Every structure is written in structure tokens, then in C-alpha cells.
Protein backbone atom coordinates (compact mmCIF):
# COMPACT_ATOMS: atom_id res chain seq x y z
CA VAL A 1 -4.42 50.10 -12.42
CA VAL A 2 -0.77 49.80 -13.44
CA SER A 3 0.52 46.50 -14.84
CA CYS A 4 4.21 46.08 -13.98
CA HIS A 5 6.08 44.10 -16.64
CA ASP A 6 9.54 45.11 -15.44
CA LEU A 7 11.15 46.59 -12.33
CA PHE A 8 11.45 50.26 -13.36
CA ASN A 9 9.13 51.44 -10.59
CA ALA A 10 11.84 50.37 -8.15
CA CYS A 11 15.13 50.10 -10.08
CA PRO A 12 16.68 52.81 -12.30
CA ASN A 13 17.84 50.32 -14.96
CA GLY A 14 14.67 48.26 -14.74
CA GLY A 15 16.21 44.90 -14.00
CA LEU A 16 17.87 44.86 -10.56
CA LEU A 17 20.79 43.75 -12.68
CA HIS A 18 24.44 44.66 -13.22
CA PHE A 19 24.32 44.62 -17.02
CA PRO A 20 28.11 44.67 -17.76
CA THR A 21 28.55 41.40 -15.81
CA SER A 22 25.04 40.00 -16.47
CA SER A 23 24.70 39.36 -12.74
CA PRO A 24 21.79 40.12 -10.36
CA CYS A 25 22.13 43.28 -8.28
CA ASP A 26 21.26 43.13 -4.57
CA LEU A 27 21.87 46.80 -3.84
CA LYS A 28 19.04 48.92 -2.46
CA PRO A 29 17.76 51.04 -5.35
CA MET A 30 18.71 54.73 -5.11
CA SER A 31 21.10 54.08 -2.19
CA ALA A 32 24.64 55.51 -2.14
CA ALA A 33 25.96 52.14 -3.32
CA CYS A 34 23.44 52.17 -6.16
CA TRP A 35 24.63 55.62 -7.23
CA MET A 36 28.23 54.35 -7.33
CA SER A 37 27.48 51.12 -9.21
CA GLN A 38 28.31 51.22 -12.91
CA CYS A 39 25.48 48.84 -13.81
CA ASP A 40 24.05 50.46 -16.92
CA ARG A 41 24.02 48.57 -20.22
CA ARG A 42 25.19 51.71 -22.09
CA SER A 43 27.53 53.90 -20.03
CA GLY A 44 28.22 55.51 -16.69
CA PHE A 45 26.77 58.79 -17.95
CA HIS A 46 23.54 57.04 -18.90
CA LYS A 47 23.36 55.49 -15.41
CA TYR A 48 23.33 58.96 -13.85
CA TRP A 49 20.63 60.03 -16.32
CA ARG A 50 18.59 57.03 -15.17
CA MET A 51 19.11 57.95 -11.52
CA ALA A 52 17.89 61.50 -12.18
CA ARG A 53 14.88 60.12 -14.04
CA GLN A 54 14.10 57.79 -11.12
CA MET A 55 14.25 60.67 -8.67
CA ASN A 56 11.76 62.57 -10.82
CA LEU A 57 9.52 59.51 -11.16
CA ASN A 58 9.50 58.96 -7.40
CA ARG A 59 8.68 62.64 -6.88
CA LEU A 60 5.80 62.67 -9.35
CA ALA A 61 4.35 59.23 -8.71
CA ARG A 62 4.53 59.42 -4.90
CA PHE A 63 4.42 55.62 -4.75
CA GLU A 64 4.19 55.44 -0.96
CA ARG A 65 0.74 57.08 -1.01
CA SER A 66 -0.37 56.43 -4.60
CA GLU A 67 -4.04 55.83 -5.39
CA MET A 68 -2.98 53.37 -8.09
CA THR A 69 -3.15 49.59 -7.82
CA PHE A 70 0.10 48.06 -9.06
CA VAL A 71 -0.13 44.55 -10.53
CA SER A 72 2.97 42.36 -10.84
CA LEU A 73 3.24 39.30 -13.08
CA HIS A 74 3.24 36.76 -10.24
CA LYS A 75 3.77 36.41 -6.49
CA GLY A 76 7.54 36.09 -6.74
CA MET A 77 7.79 39.40 -8.57
CA GLU A 78 5.53 41.07 -6.01
CA ASP A 79 7.73 39.75 -3.18
CA LEU A 80 10.89 40.98 -4.91
CA LEU A 81 9.45 44.47 -5.41
CA ARG A 82 8.49 44.63 -1.75
CA SER A 83 11.93 43.41 -0.67
CA VAL A 84 13.70 46.32 -2.39
CA GLY A 85 11.41 48.94 -0.89
CA PHE A 86 8.60 49.31 -3.42
CA ASN A 87 5.58 49.28 -1.10
CA PRO A 88 2.66 51.31 -2.44
CA PRO A 89 -0.65 50.94 -0.54
CA ARG A 90 -2.00 48.59 -3.22
CA LEU A 91 0.43 46.07 -4.71
CA THR A 92 -0.83 42.71 -5.89
CA ASN A 93 -0.19 40.11 -8.58
CA ILE A 94 -2.08 38.51 -11.45
CA PRO A 95 -0.09 35.68 -13.07
CA ASN A 96 0.63 36.22 -16.76
CA PRO A 97 -1.48 34.29 -19.29
CA ALA A 98 -0.01 31.34 -21.19
CA THR A 99 -1.18 28.53 -23.44
CA ALA A 100 0.37 25.12 -24.01
CA TYR A 101 2.20 24.10 -27.17
CA ALA A 102 0.06 20.94 -27.24
CA ASP A 103 -3.37 19.92 -25.91
CA ALA A 104 -2.12 16.54 -24.71
CA ARG A 105 1.02 15.88 -22.67
CA ILE A 106 4.08 15.64 -24.89
CA PRO A 107 5.58 12.14 -24.33
CA CYS A 108 8.98 13.71 -23.79
CA GLU A 109 10.49 10.61 -22.18
CA GLN A 110 10.58 9.17 -25.71
CA ASN A 111 12.56 12.15 -27.08
CA LYS A 112 16.25 13.05 -27.05
CA PRO A 113 16.89 16.76 -27.86
CA PHE A 114 16.40 19.53 -25.35
CA LEU A 115 14.80 22.82 -26.39
CA PHE A 116 15.81 26.48 -25.98
CA VAL A 117 13.37 29.20 -27.00
CA GLY A 118 14.46 32.83 -26.76
CA ARG A 119 16.89 35.50 -27.93
CA LEU A 120 20.39 34.25 -28.65
CA THR A 121 22.04 36.66 -26.22
CA ALA A 122 24.26 36.47 -23.14
CA GLU A 123 21.45 37.76 -20.89
CA LYS A 124 19.20 34.89 -21.95
CA GLY A 125 22.06 32.42 -21.46
CA ALA A 126 22.00 30.98 -24.99
CA ASP A 127 25.72 30.23 -24.71
CA ILE A 128 25.14 28.47 -21.37
CA ALA A 129 22.53 26.18 -22.93
CA LEU A 130 24.97 25.24 -25.68
CA ASP A 131 28.04 24.86 -23.43
CA GLU A 132 26.20 22.67 -20.94
CA SER A 133 24.40 20.52 -23.50
CA LYS A 134 27.75 19.88 -25.21
CA ARG A 135 29.29 19.04 -21.82
CA ALA A 136 26.43 16.61 -21.13
CA GLY A 137 26.63 15.08 -24.60
CA VAL A 138 22.97 15.75 -25.42
CA PRO A 139 21.44 17.29 -28.56
CA ILE A 140 19.72 20.67 -28.42
CA ILE A 141 17.37 22.67 -30.62
CA MET A 142 17.89 26.46 -30.48
CA ILE A 143 14.88 28.55 -31.48
CA GLY A 144 15.46 32.28 -31.82
CA GLU A 145 17.73 34.99 -33.19
CA GLY A 146 20.11 37.42 -31.52
CA ASP A 147 23.50 39.08 -31.22
CA LEU A 148 25.37 35.81 -30.58
CA GLU A 149 23.79 33.86 -33.42
CA LEU A 150 26.71 33.77 -35.87
CA GLU A 151 29.27 33.16 -33.13
CA LEU A 152 27.28 30.29 -31.63
CA LYS A 153 26.57 28.65 -34.98
CA ALA A 154 30.29 28.61 -35.75
CA LYS A 155 31.21 27.15 -32.37
CA TYR A 156 28.61 24.46 -31.69
CA ASP A 157 27.97 21.73 -34.23
CA HIS A 158 25.86 19.51 -31.95
CA ALA A 159 22.93 21.95 -32.08
CA ILE A 160 20.11 22.56 -34.51
CA PHE A 161 19.67 26.32 -35.03
CA ALA A 162 16.05 26.80 -36.12
CA GLY A 163 16.12 30.62 -36.20
CA PHE A 164 12.96 32.61 -35.65
CA CYS A 165 9.91 30.34 -35.64
CA ASP A 166 6.20 31.05 -35.69
CA ARG A 167 3.91 29.32 -33.23
CA PRO A 168 3.17 26.20 -35.33
CA ALA A 169 6.90 25.65 -35.94
CA ILE A 170 7.67 26.00 -32.22
CA GLU A 171 4.95 23.45 -31.49
CA THR A 172 6.54 21.03 -33.98
CA TYR A 173 9.94 21.31 -32.31
CA ALA A 174 8.37 21.06 -28.83
CA GLN A 175 6.89 17.69 -29.79
CA GLN A 176 10.46 16.46 -30.36
CA ALA A 177 11.86 17.78 -27.06
CA ARG A 178 12.77 15.98 -23.85
CA GLY A 179 12.70 19.18 -21.80
CA ILE A 180 13.01 22.94 -22.10
CA ILE A 181 16.05 24.90 -20.90
CA VAL A 182 15.68 28.43 -19.46
CA PRO A 183 19.28 29.45 -18.61
CA SER A 184 18.94 33.21 -18.07
CA ARG A 185 21.71 35.04 -16.29
CA VAL A 186 19.25 37.78 -15.37
CA ARG A 187 16.18 37.98 -13.19
CA GLU A 188 13.29 37.04 -15.45
CA PRO A 189 10.09 38.77 -14.24
CA PHE A 190 8.05 35.88 -15.64
CA GLY A 191 9.30 33.81 -18.57
CA LEU A 192 6.51 32.86 -20.95
CA VAL A 193 8.38 29.83 -22.32
CA VAL A 194 8.54 28.41 -18.78
CA ALA A 195 4.76 28.31 -18.53
CA GLU A 196 4.20 27.24 -22.15
CA GLY A 197 6.67 24.38 -21.86
CA ALA A 198 5.37 23.18 -18.49
CA LEU A 199 1.74 23.34 -19.65
CA SER A 200 2.76 21.02 -22.50
CA GLY A 201 4.38 18.54 -20.15
CA LEU A 202 8.00 19.49 -20.82
CA PRO A 203 10.22 19.35 -17.72
CA VAL A 204 11.72 22.79 -17.16
CA LEU A 205 15.45 23.15 -16.45
CA ILE A 206 15.49 26.68 -15.08
CA SER A 207 18.12 29.13 -13.87
CA LYS A 208 17.85 30.05 -10.20
CA GLN A 209 17.81 33.70 -11.35
CA SER A 210 14.31 33.25 -12.77
CA MET A 211 11.53 34.39 -10.46
CA LEU A 212 9.58 31.23 -11.36
CA SER A 213 12.38 28.87 -10.31
CA SER A 214 11.03 28.19 -6.81
CA GLN A 215 7.60 27.37 -8.19
CA ILE A 216 9.11 24.91 -10.68
CA GLU A 217 11.16 23.29 -7.93
CA ASN A 218 8.40 23.14 -5.31
CA ARG A 219 6.00 21.44 -7.73
CA ARG A 220 8.70 19.06 -9.04
CA MET A 221 8.13 20.21 -12.61
CA GLY A 222 11.82 20.24 -13.46
CA ALA A 223 15.16 21.22 -11.94
CA VAL A 224 16.84 24.46 -10.84
CA PHE A 225 20.50 25.17 -11.60
CA ASP A 226 23.03 27.95 -11.08
CA PRO A 227 23.94 29.44 -14.48
CA MET A 228 27.23 30.73 -13.10
CA VAL A 229 28.47 27.28 -12.04
CA PRO A 230 29.92 25.27 -14.97
CA GLY A 231 28.53 21.75 -15.02
CA ASP A 232 25.48 22.44 -12.87
CA LEU A 233 23.04 22.41 -15.80
CA ALA A 234 24.92 19.55 -17.47
CA ARG A 235 24.27 17.32 -14.45
CA SER A 236 20.52 17.90 -14.76
CA LEU A 237 20.64 17.28 -18.50
CA GLN A 238 22.47 14.00 -17.98
CA SER A 239 20.08 12.97 -15.21
CA LEU A 240 17.03 13.46 -17.43
CA SER A 241 18.69 11.93 -20.47
CA ASP A 242 19.56 8.76 -18.57
CA ASP A 243 16.28 8.28 -16.70
CA ASP A 244 13.04 7.87 -18.66
CA ASP A 245 11.02 7.29 -15.48
CA LEU A 246 12.24 10.52 -13.87
CA THR A 247 11.61 12.45 -17.08
CA LYS A 248 8.08 11.07 -17.33
CA GLN A 249 7.34 11.89 -13.68
CA LEU A 250 8.52 15.49 -14.03
CA SER A 251 6.56 15.75 -17.27
CA GLU A 252 3.35 14.53 -15.65
CA ASN A 253 3.87 16.90 -12.70
CA ALA A 254 4.34 19.80 -15.11
CA PHE A 255 1.30 18.94 -17.20
CA GLU A 256 -0.90 18.63 -14.10
CA ASN A 257 0.39 21.60 -12.09
CA ALA A 258 1.64 24.23 -14.56
CA SER A 259 -1.68 26.09 -14.41
CA ASP A 260 -0.66 27.08 -10.84
CA ILE A 261 2.07 29.37 -12.17
CA CYS A 262 0.10 31.19 -14.86
CA SER A 263 -3.40 32.23 -15.89
CA SER A 264 -5.44 31.16 -18.87
CA PRO A 265 -6.00 34.04 -21.32
CA ASN A 266 -9.69 34.28 -20.36
CA GLY A 267 -8.91 33.90 -16.67
CA TRP A 268 -6.27 36.63 -16.84
CA ALA A 269 -8.70 39.03 -18.53
CA GLN A 270 -11.41 38.27 -15.97
CA LYS A 271 -9.05 38.93 -13.04
CA PHE A 272 -8.29 42.38 -14.44
CA VAL A 273 -11.99 43.07 -15.02
CA ASP A 274 -12.71 42.05 -11.42
CA LEU A 275 -9.88 44.25 -10.13
CA MET A 276 -11.09 47.27 -12.10
CA GLU A 277 -14.67 46.74 -10.94
CA ASP A 278 -13.43 46.63 -7.33
CA ARG A 279 -11.53 49.88 -7.80
CA LEU A 280 -14.51 51.61 -9.45
CA THR A 281 -16.75 50.48 -6.61
CA ALA A 282 -14.28 51.90 -4.07
CA ILE A 283 -14.11 55.22 -5.93
CA GLU A 284 -17.91 55.47 -6.19
CA ALA A 285 -18.25 54.73 -2.49
């Protein structure tokens, strides 16, 4: 049983992403166009090393007739892997485990600041969260560290930069939040903060690049925006800031339905135990 926490079984750079532009890649992995694309985060030479490594992996793993069961982090990730040609005989999904920041729904309609939790990097869209919150005229709490930290602190004075926080500190800030922003420029295979925030009753403002975005939208647990379109996130921030009833409704939807997008820790463990028992039974037979 192989648990897939990234896309390396299909994509040489592991992200189906053009790293220099922080934009999703729609090329077929290992195609001629893929060989020509300078998508590596390090260099063109390193891209060719990755391609050679992928060729060797495909040769050794023989995915198309592998005896392994490959487990993705959720249905959207499974669908994406299939869409780019990764189709082993046994490919399934077990949603990642997550726990809420709070046992009771956070009354976020009474709060003002929005929350960002993650690395302060371009890939995670930390600058997007700050640009758009400033455009919308709303306060924001930034939890995390990263390459852009000093630059962002110098540029944005409307934000609280909390730095790295342990779990209790994150929970304290979450209790003050009106919603959680997930502005990634890249395809997020899961996004733990999405599930943790939604389980707590925080509306999720999520980039369309995230693989959980359709599930957030379909269950009306927040709003989806295009991180590459200036003002798109700001409109959602303004909408939630100006409408307590809408914020409360999205919050209640999230608190009631977030368990659909993730597993509980015990449930996640049991699903893997069940899967392994099924595979052992098949082998013994």
C-alpha cells in the first residue's frame, strides 16, 4: 500500500506545476512538451535529471501492472492523477485526517480579522492574502514563517504577523477570525488548514488551484477565487465583512459539513487497517 502525498508518481517535479511562474502545468507528463518545459524550481539541468529519474521510476515500478494499491489524499487528487495518465490497477483515496481548532463553532460573524496559516512564500500566496486584504480594507492575521517574511512585514502595516505558532496559539487566533484564506498559486494536494478551519466553522476563502476548492464551493462552506486575478479575493473578503448573515450561514455550513472532506484521525487509521486487511486476504486467497 503506497500513500501518495504528492504527484511524483506521475509528474517529474512532483507538482504538475511550472515553478518559475508559480502556475499550474497542464502538459502531459513525460510528453515532448514536458521535456521542453523549463518548469523546475532549480534549473534546466535539474529538470532533465528529474526526467531521467522519472523514466527509471516508471521502468522499475511498472505502474500500469503494479501489485501495489496507491492511496491518494482525497477524490479530487485521485481524479487528477487519473487525468494525467497515472492509472495503476488499484488507485483509490482515503481523505487525510484533520481536527478542528475548537470543539464548538467559532462565532466568526462577530469577528473582524481574516486568518492565513502557512509558509510565507509565493507558492502559498502569502503576498496575495496581504494584497487583497489591503485592497478590501480588512485586517488579517498572518501565522507562519518563510522566505517573504521580512519583505511582507516591511510592506504591509495592516497585518498582524504572528510568526510560527504552536497549536494552542493557532487556536487562540482562530477564535478571533472571521474566515480563513487559502490563496495558493499551486495545486494543493490537500491543504490541512482548509479542513481544520472548516471543521471549526470558519468560512474558507480558497484558491481555485486547490484540489479541495470544488468541495468547499459545492457545500457552500466558503468562496472560491482566482489567485491570478487582482481583486477577485478582495470581493469575497468585502462580501463577508459586510454581511454577518452570510458569514454565519457559511460558518454553519462548514461546521456541519466539513467532515465530508476529511477523516477523523481514528477513522483514517481504521480505513488503512481495512485496506491492508483486504489486500492480505486477496494475497492469501
